[in-house]
Amino acid sequence: MYVTESAPNRNSLGATNGLAQATASVARAIGPALSTSLYSLSIQENLVGGYGVYTILASLSVIALYLAIQLPKKLWSRAEED
């Protein structure tokens, strides 16, 4: 809903949706490699007893939740625009 409502007009809805999908795909491609590398680094360097990767990923999750809370609860509608 946020992606659809963030498009400036109906003509650019496809481009906005495509950009959102491309961004999500890049995150899905980088995520496994990043988490595996962090796991290897935490074992190799003995970060937090080898569990450093979980500390880092939990911190990133808390930051993501904080950012999600900042989203508006009510989306503006196209009817208000007209």
N, C-alpha and C. Protein backbone atom coordinates (compact mmCIF):
# COMPACT_ATOMS: atom_id res chain seq x y z
N MET A 1 0.82 -1.18 0.00
CA MET A 1 0.00 0.00 0.00
C MET A 1 0.87 1.25 0.00
N TYR A 2 1.96 1.22 0.74
CA TYR A 2 2.82 2.40 0.80
C TYR A 2 3.48 2.66 -0.54
N VAL A 3 3.85 1.61 -1.25
CA VAL A 3 4.48 1.79 -2.56
C VAL A 3 3.47 2.38 -3.54
N THR A 4 2.27 1.86 -3.54
CA THR A 4 1.23 2.35 -4.45
C THR A 4 0.90 3.81 -4.16
N GLU A 5 0.77 4.14 -2.89
CA GLU A 5 0.42 5.50 -2.51
C GLU A 5 1.57 6.49 -2.66
N SER A 6 2.80 6.00 -2.76
CA SER A 6 3.93 6.92 -2.89
C SER A 6 4.16 7.37 -4.32
N ALA A 7 3.48 6.78 -5.27
CA ALA A 7 3.61 7.21 -6.66
C ALA A 7 2.99 8.59 -6.82
N PRO A 8 3.70 9.52 -7.48
CA PRO A 8 3.17 10.88 -7.61
C PRO A 8 1.89 10.96 -8.44
N ASN A 9 1.75 10.08 -9.44
CA ASN A 9 0.53 10.03 -10.24
C ASN A 9 0.36 8.63 -10.81
N ARG A 10 -0.75 8.37 -11.45
CA ARG A 10 -1.04 7.04 -11.98
C ARG A 10 -0.09 6.67 -13.12
N ASN A 11 0.42 7.65 -13.85
CA ASN A 11 1.31 7.35 -14.97
C ASN A 11 2.65 6.80 -14.50
N SER A 12 3.09 7.17 -13.32
CA SER A 12 4.39 6.71 -12.82
C SER A 12 4.26 5.57 -11.81
N LEU A 13 3.09 4.98 -11.69
CA LEU A 13 2.87 3.89 -10.75
C LEU A 13 3.72 2.67 -11.10
N GLY A 14 3.83 2.34 -12.37
CA GLY A 14 4.63 1.20 -12.80
C GLY A 14 6.11 1.39 -12.49
N ALA A 15 6.62 2.59 -12.74
CA ALA A 15 8.03 2.86 -12.45
C ALA A 15 8.30 2.83 -10.95
N THR A 16 7.38 3.34 -10.16
CA THR A 16 7.55 3.32 -8.71
C THR A 16 7.53 1.90 -8.18
N ASN A 17 6.61 1.09 -8.67
CA ASN A 17 6.53 -0.31 -8.26
C ASN A 17 7.78 -1.07 -8.71
N GLY A 18 8.25 -0.81 -9.92
CA GLY A 18 9.46 -1.47 -10.42
C GLY A 18 10.68 -1.13 -9.60
N LEU A 19 10.80 0.13 -9.21
CA LEU A 19 11.93 0.56 -8.37
C LEU A 19 11.88 -0.12 -7.00
N ALA A 20 10.70 -0.24 -6.44
CA ALA A 20 10.54 -0.92 -5.14
C ALA A 20 10.90 -2.40 -5.26
N GLN A 21 10.47 -3.04 -6.34
CA GLN A 21 10.77 -4.45 -6.54
C GLN A 21 12.26 -4.68 -6.78
N ALA A 22 12.90 -3.78 -7.53
CA ALA A 22 14.34 -3.90 -7.77
C ALA A 22 15.12 -3.73 -6.48
N THR A 23 14.71 -2.78 -5.65
CA THR A 23 15.38 -2.57 -4.37
C THR A 23 15.23 -3.80 -3.47
N ALA A 24 14.04 -4.38 -3.43
CA ALA A 24 13.82 -5.58 -2.63
C ALA A 24 14.64 -6.76 -3.16
N SER A 25 14.77 -6.87 -4.47
CA SER A 25 15.55 -7.96 -5.06
C SER A 25 17.03 -7.83 -4.73
N VAL A 26 17.55 -6.61 -4.75
CA VAL A 26 18.96 -6.40 -4.39
C VAL A 26 19.18 -6.76 -2.92
N ALA A 27 18.25 -6.39 -2.07
CA ALA A 27 18.37 -6.74 -0.65
C ALA A 27 18.33 -8.25 -0.45
N ARG A 28 17.47 -8.94 -1.21
CA ARG A 28 17.40 -10.39 -1.10
C ARG A 28 18.65 -11.07 -1.64
N ALA A 29 19.31 -10.45 -2.59
CA ALA A 29 20.54 -11.02 -3.14
C ALA A 29 21.72 -10.81 -2.20
N ILE A 30 21.78 -9.66 -1.56
CA ILE A 30 22.91 -9.33 -0.69
C ILE A 30 22.75 -9.95 0.69
N GLY A 31 21.54 -10.12 1.16
CA GLY A 31 21.27 -10.59 2.52
C GLY A 31 21.94 -11.90 2.89
N PRO A 32 21.76 -12.96 2.12
CA PRO A 32 22.41 -14.23 2.49
C PRO A 32 23.93 -14.16 2.52
N ALA A 33 24.52 -13.49 1.55
CA ALA A 33 25.99 -13.37 1.52
C ALA A 33 26.48 -12.55 2.72
N LEU A 34 25.78 -11.49 3.05
CA LEU A 34 26.17 -10.66 4.18
C LEU A 34 26.04 -11.41 5.50
N SER A 35 24.93 -12.12 5.69
CA SER A 35 24.75 -12.84 6.95
C SER A 35 25.75 -13.99 7.08
N THR A 36 26.05 -14.68 5.99
CA THR A 36 27.04 -15.75 6.05
C THR A 36 28.43 -15.20 6.35
N SER A 37 28.76 -14.07 5.74
CA SER A 37 30.06 -13.45 6.01
C SER A 37 30.16 -12.97 7.46
N LEU A 38 29.08 -12.40 7.97
CA LEU A 38 29.07 -11.96 9.37
C LEU A 38 29.19 -13.15 10.32
N TYR A 39 28.55 -14.25 9.97
CA TYR A 39 28.65 -15.46 10.79
C TYR A 39 30.09 -15.97 10.83
N SER A 40 30.71 -16.02 9.66
CA SER A 40 32.10 -16.46 9.56
C SER A 40 33.03 -15.54 10.35
N LEU A 41 32.82 -14.24 10.23
CA LEU A 41 33.66 -13.27 10.94
C LEU A 41 33.48 -13.40 12.45
N SER A 42 32.25 -13.60 12.91
CA SER A 42 32.03 -13.70 14.35
C SER A 42 32.64 -14.98 14.92
N ILE A 43 32.66 -16.06 14.15
CA ILE A 43 33.31 -17.29 14.60
C ILE A 43 34.82 -17.12 14.59
N GLN A 44 35.34 -16.56 13.48
CA GLN A 44 36.78 -16.42 13.31
C GLN A 44 37.39 -15.46 14.35
N GLU A 45 36.73 -14.35 14.61
CA GLU A 45 37.24 -13.35 15.54
C GLU A 45 36.71 -13.54 16.96
N ASN A 46 35.87 -14.55 17.16
CA ASN A 46 35.27 -14.86 18.45
C ASN A 46 34.53 -13.65 19.03
N LEU A 47 33.73 -13.01 18.21
CA LEU A 47 32.93 -11.86 18.64
C LEU A 47 31.75 -12.36 19.47
N VAL A 48 31.63 -11.88 20.68
CA VAL A 48 30.56 -12.26 21.61
C VAL A 48 30.48 -13.79 21.72
N GLY A 49 31.62 -14.40 21.82
CA GLY A 49 31.66 -15.86 21.96
C GLY A 49 31.26 -16.59 20.69
N GLY A 50 31.39 -15.95 19.55
CA GLY A 50 30.99 -16.55 18.28
C GLY A 50 29.57 -16.24 17.89
N TYR A 51 28.86 -15.53 18.74
CA TYR A 51 27.46 -15.19 18.48
C TYR A 51 27.28 -13.73 18.08
N GLY A 52 28.34 -13.09 17.64
CA GLY A 52 28.29 -11.68 17.26
C GLY A 52 27.35 -11.40 16.11
N VAL A 53 27.21 -12.36 15.21
CA VAL A 53 26.32 -12.17 14.07
C VAL A 53 24.89 -11.96 14.53
N TYR A 54 24.49 -12.68 15.59
CA TYR A 54 23.12 -12.54 16.08
C TYR A 54 22.90 -11.19 16.74
N THR A 55 23.92 -10.68 17.39
CA THR A 55 23.84 -9.35 17.99
C THR A 55 23.68 -8.29 16.91
N ILE A 56 24.46 -8.40 15.85
CA ILE A 56 24.40 -7.43 14.74
C ILE A 56 23.04 -7.51 14.04
N LEU A 57 22.59 -8.72 13.73
CA LEU A 57 21.32 -8.86 13.02
C LEU A 57 20.13 -8.45 13.90
N ALA A 58 20.21 -8.71 15.20
CA ALA A 58 19.14 -8.26 16.10
C ALA A 58 19.11 -6.74 16.17
N SER A 59 20.29 -6.12 16.17
CA SER A 59 20.35 -4.65 16.17
C SER A 59 19.75 -4.07 14.90
N LEU A 60 20.05 -4.70 13.76
CA LEU A 60 19.46 -4.24 12.50
C LEU A 60 17.94 -4.41 12.50
N SER A 61 17.45 -5.47 13.13
CA SER A 61 16.01 -5.68 13.23
C SER A 61 15.34 -4.61 14.08
N VAL A 62 15.98 -4.24 15.17
CA VAL A 62 15.44 -3.18 16.04
C VAL A 62 15.39 -1.86 15.28
N ILE A 63 16.43 -1.56 14.51
CA ILE A 63 16.45 -0.33 13.72
C ILE A 63 15.34 -0.36 12.67
N ALA A 64 15.14 -1.51 12.02
CA ALA A 64 14.07 -1.63 11.03
C ALA A 64 12.70 -1.45 11.67
N LEU A 65 12.50 -2.00 12.85
CA LEU A 65 11.22 -1.81 13.55
C LEU A 65 11.00 -0.35 13.92
N TYR A 66 12.05 0.32 14.36
CA TYR A 66 11.94 1.74 14.69
C TYR A 66 11.53 2.54 13.46
N LEU A 67 12.15 2.24 12.32
CA LEU A 67 11.78 2.94 11.08
C LEU A 67 10.37 2.62 10.64
N ALA A 68 9.92 1.39 10.85
CA ALA A 68 8.56 1.01 10.48
C ALA A 68 7.53 1.74 11.34
N ILE A 69 7.86 1.98 12.59
CA ILE A 69 6.95 2.71 13.48
C ILE A 69 6.77 4.15 13.00
N GLN A 70 7.77 4.70 12.33
CA GLN A 70 7.71 6.08 11.86
C GLN A 70 6.77 6.27 10.66
N LEU A 71 6.36 5.18 10.02
CA LEU A 71 5.45 5.29 8.88
C LEU A 71 4.10 5.82 9.35
N PRO A 72 3.42 6.60 8.51
CA PRO A 72 2.12 7.14 8.93
C PRO A 72 1.08 6.04 9.05
N LYS A 73 0.18 6.20 10.01
CA LYS A 73 -0.86 5.20 10.23
C LYS A 73 -1.97 5.29 9.19
N LYS A 74 -2.18 6.47 8.65
CA LYS A 74 -3.25 6.65 7.66
C LYS A 74 -2.62 7.16 6.37
N LEU A 75 -2.95 6.48 5.28
CA LEU A 75 -2.45 6.88 3.97
C LEU A 75 -3.40 7.89 3.35
N TRP A 76 -2.84 8.88 2.65
CA TRP A 76 -3.71 9.81 1.97
C TRP A 76 -4.26 9.14 0.74
N SER A 77 -5.46 9.49 0.37
CA SER A 77 -6.11 8.83 -0.76
C SER A 77 -6.10 9.74 -1.98
N ARG A 78 -6.32 9.15 -3.11
CA ARG A 78 -6.37 9.90 -4.37
C ARG A 78 -7.59 10.83 -4.41
N ALA A 79 -8.66 10.48 -3.68
CA ALA A 79 -9.84 11.31 -3.67
C ALA A 79 -9.57 12.66 -3.01
N GLU A 80 -8.70 12.68 -2.00
CA GLU A 80 -8.36 13.94 -1.34
C GLU A 80 -7.57 14.84 -2.27
N GLU A 81 -6.84 14.24 -3.21
CA GLU A 81 -5.99 14.99 -4.13
C GLU A 81 -6.82 15.75 -5.16
N ASP A 82 -7.94 15.18 -5.56
CA ASP A 82 -8.76 15.79 -6.63
C ASP A 82 -9.61 16.93 -6.17
